[in-house]
Amino acid sequence: MAKKLTTLYVDVELLERLNKLSAMTRVPMSVYTREAVDLALDKHEKQIKVQQEKSEA
């Protein structure tokens, strides 16, 4: 899948935790960020579908 650069604003604490995890695992922060977005979208998938159906009606 093609990727596009974006900017996120996160709390300093969250960024520090993410940096620490990335350093410990040697997995880039961007990988964890994409995973988090995927999980959030999966969690709210039903709500997204309902909103799409409402806007199509």
N, C-alpha and C. Protein backbone atom coordinates (compact mmCIF):
# COMPACT_ATOMS: atom_id res chain seq x y z
N MET A 1 0.85 -1.18 0.00
CA MET A 1 0.00 0.00 0.00
C MET A 1 0.89 1.25 0.00
N ALA A 2 0.50 2.21 -0.78
CA ALA A 2 1.25 3.46 -0.85
C ALA A 2 1.12 4.21 0.48
N LYS A 3 2.14 4.95 0.81
CA LYS A 3 2.15 5.71 2.06
C LYS A 3 2.27 7.19 1.75
N LYS A 4 1.70 7.99 2.64
CA LYS A 4 1.75 9.43 2.50
C LYS A 4 2.16 10.03 3.84
N LEU A 5 3.02 11.01 3.79
CA LEU A 5 3.52 11.66 5.00
C LEU A 5 2.42 12.50 5.63
N THR A 6 2.34 12.44 6.96
CA THR A 6 1.38 13.25 7.70
C THR A 6 2.04 13.71 9.00
N THR A 7 1.40 14.63 9.68
CA THR A 7 1.91 15.15 10.94
C THR A 7 0.88 14.87 12.03
N LEU A 8 1.34 14.43 13.17
CA LEU A 8 0.48 14.18 14.32
C LEU A 8 0.94 15.03 15.49
N TYR A 9 -0.01 15.49 16.26
CA TYR A 9 0.31 16.16 17.52
C TYR A 9 -0.06 15.19 18.63
N VAL A 10 0.91 14.85 19.46
CA VAL A 10 0.67 13.92 20.57
C VAL A 10 1.23 14.52 21.85
N ASP A 11 0.68 14.03 22.96
CA ASP A 11 1.19 14.47 24.26
C ASP A 11 2.65 14.10 24.39
N VAL A 12 3.39 14.91 25.11
CA VAL A 12 4.82 14.67 25.32
C VAL A 12 5.04 13.30 25.97
N GLU A 13 4.23 12.95 26.96
CA GLU A 13 4.36 11.66 27.63
C GLU A 13 4.19 10.50 26.65
N LEU A 14 3.21 10.61 25.79
CA LEU A 14 2.97 9.56 24.81
C LEU A 14 4.15 9.43 23.86
N LEU A 15 4.69 10.54 23.42
CA LEU A 15 5.84 10.53 22.53
C LEU A 15 7.06 9.91 23.22
N GLU A 16 7.26 10.24 24.48
CA GLU A 16 8.38 9.66 25.22
C GLU A 16 8.23 8.15 25.35
N ARG A 17 7.03 7.69 25.63
CA ARG A 17 6.79 6.24 25.73
C ARG A 17 7.00 5.56 24.39
N LEU A 18 6.54 6.19 23.34
CA LEU A 18 6.71 5.63 22.00
C LEU A 18 8.18 5.59 21.61
N ASN A 19 8.91 6.64 21.92
CA ASN A 19 10.36 6.66 21.67
C ASN A 19 11.07 5.53 22.41
N LYS A 20 10.70 5.34 23.67
CA LYS A 20 11.33 4.30 24.48
C LYS A 20 11.03 2.91 23.90
N LEU A 21 9.78 2.67 23.54
CA LEU A 21 9.41 1.39 22.94
C LEU A 21 10.16 1.16 21.64
N SER A 22 10.23 2.17 20.83
CA SER A 22 10.92 2.06 19.55
C SER A 22 12.41 1.76 19.75
N ALA A 23 13.02 2.42 20.71
CA ALA A 23 14.44 2.20 20.98
C ALA A 23 14.69 0.78 21.50
N MET A 24 13.80 0.31 22.35
CA MET A 24 13.97 -1.02 22.93
C MET A 24 13.77 -2.13 21.90
N THR A 25 12.83 -1.93 20.99
CA THR A 25 12.47 -2.99 20.05
C THR A 25 13.14 -2.83 18.69
N ARG A 26 13.69 -1.63 18.46
CA ARG A 26 14.28 -1.29 17.15
C ARG A 26 13.23 -1.32 16.03
N VAL A 27 11.98 -1.09 16.39
CA VAL A 27 10.89 -0.97 15.44
C VAL A 27 10.58 0.52 15.31
N PRO A 28 10.53 1.04 14.09
CA PRO A 28 10.29 2.48 13.93
C PRO A 28 8.96 2.94 14.55
N MET A 29 8.97 4.16 15.05
CA MET A 29 7.75 4.72 15.64
C MET A 29 6.61 4.73 14.62
N SER A 30 6.93 4.92 13.36
CA SER A 30 5.88 4.97 12.33
C SER A 30 5.13 3.65 12.23
N VAL A 31 5.82 2.55 12.48
CA VAL A 31 5.15 1.24 12.45
C VAL A 31 4.13 1.16 13.58
N TYR A 32 4.52 1.59 14.77
CA TYR A 32 3.58 1.58 15.90
C TYR A 32 2.43 2.56 15.68
N THR A 33 2.71 3.69 15.07
CA THR A 33 1.66 4.67 14.81
C THR A 33 0.64 4.11 13.82
N ARG A 34 1.11 3.49 12.75
CA ARG A 34 0.19 2.88 11.78
C ARG A 34 -0.64 1.78 12.43
N GLU A 35 0.01 0.98 13.28
CA GLU A 35 -0.71 -0.09 13.98
C GLU A 35 -1.81 0.50 14.87
N ALA A 36 -1.51 1.58 15.57
CA ALA A 36 -2.48 2.22 16.45
C ALA A 36 -3.67 2.76 15.66
N VAL A 37 -3.41 3.36 14.52
CA VAL A 37 -4.49 3.89 13.68
C VAL A 37 -5.35 2.74 13.17
N ASP A 38 -4.72 1.66 12.72
CA ASP A 38 -5.47 0.49 12.26
C ASP A 38 -6.37 -0.05 13.36
N LEU A 39 -5.84 -0.17 14.58
CA LEU A 39 -6.63 -0.67 15.70
C LEU A 39 -7.81 0.25 16.01
N ALA A 40 -7.58 1.55 15.97
CA ALA A 40 -8.65 2.51 16.25
C ALA A 40 -9.74 2.43 15.18
N LEU A 41 -9.34 2.31 13.92
CA LEU A 41 -10.33 2.21 12.85
C LEU A 41 -11.12 0.90 12.95
N ASP A 42 -10.45 -0.18 13.28
CA ASP A 42 -11.14 -1.45 13.48
C ASP A 42 -12.14 -1.35 14.63
N LYS A 43 -11.73 -0.71 15.70
CA LYS A 43 -12.60 -0.56 16.87
C LYS A 43 -13.86 0.23 16.54
N HIS A 44 -13.74 1.22 15.68
CA HIS A 44 -14.86 2.12 15.38
C HIS A 44 -15.48 1.85 14.01
N GLU A 45 -15.18 0.69 13.44
CA GLU A 45 -15.65 0.37 12.09
C GLU A 45 -17.17 0.44 11.97
N LYS A 46 -17.88 -0.08 12.95
CA LYS A 46 -19.35 -0.06 12.90
C LYS A 46 -19.88 1.36 12.86
N GLN A 47 -19.32 2.22 13.69
CA GLN A 47 -19.75 3.62 13.73
C GLN A 47 -19.47 4.31 12.39
N ILE A 48 -18.33 4.00 11.78
CA ILE A 48 -17.97 4.59 10.49
C ILE A 48 -18.98 4.16 9.43
N LYS A 49 -19.34 2.87 9.42
CA LYS A 49 -20.30 2.38 8.44
C LYS A 49 -21.67 3.02 8.60
N VAL A 50 -22.10 3.20 9.84
CA VAL A 50 -23.40 3.84 10.12
C VAL A 50 -23.39 5.27 9.58
N GLN A 51 -22.32 6.01 9.82
CA GLN A 51 -22.24 7.38 9.35
C GLN A 51 -22.23 7.44 7.82
N GLN A 52 -21.54 6.50 7.18
CA GLN A 52 -21.51 6.45 5.72
C GLN A 52 -22.88 6.17 5.16
N GLU A 53 -23.61 5.24 5.79
CA GLU A 53 -24.95 4.91 5.33
C GLU A 53 -25.88 6.11 5.48
N LYS A 54 -25.75 6.86 6.58
CA LYS A 54 -26.58 8.04 6.79
C LYS A 54 -26.30 9.10 5.72
N SER A 55 -25.03 9.28 5.37
CA SER A 55 -24.70 10.31 4.40
C SER A 55 -25.09 9.91 2.98
N GLU A 56 -25.20 8.59 2.73
CA GLU A 56 -25.62 8.12 1.41
C GLU A 56 -27.12 8.15 1.22
N ALA A 57 -27.89 8.19 2.34
CA ALA A 57 -29.35 8.16 2.28
C ALA A 57 -29.92 9.50 1.92
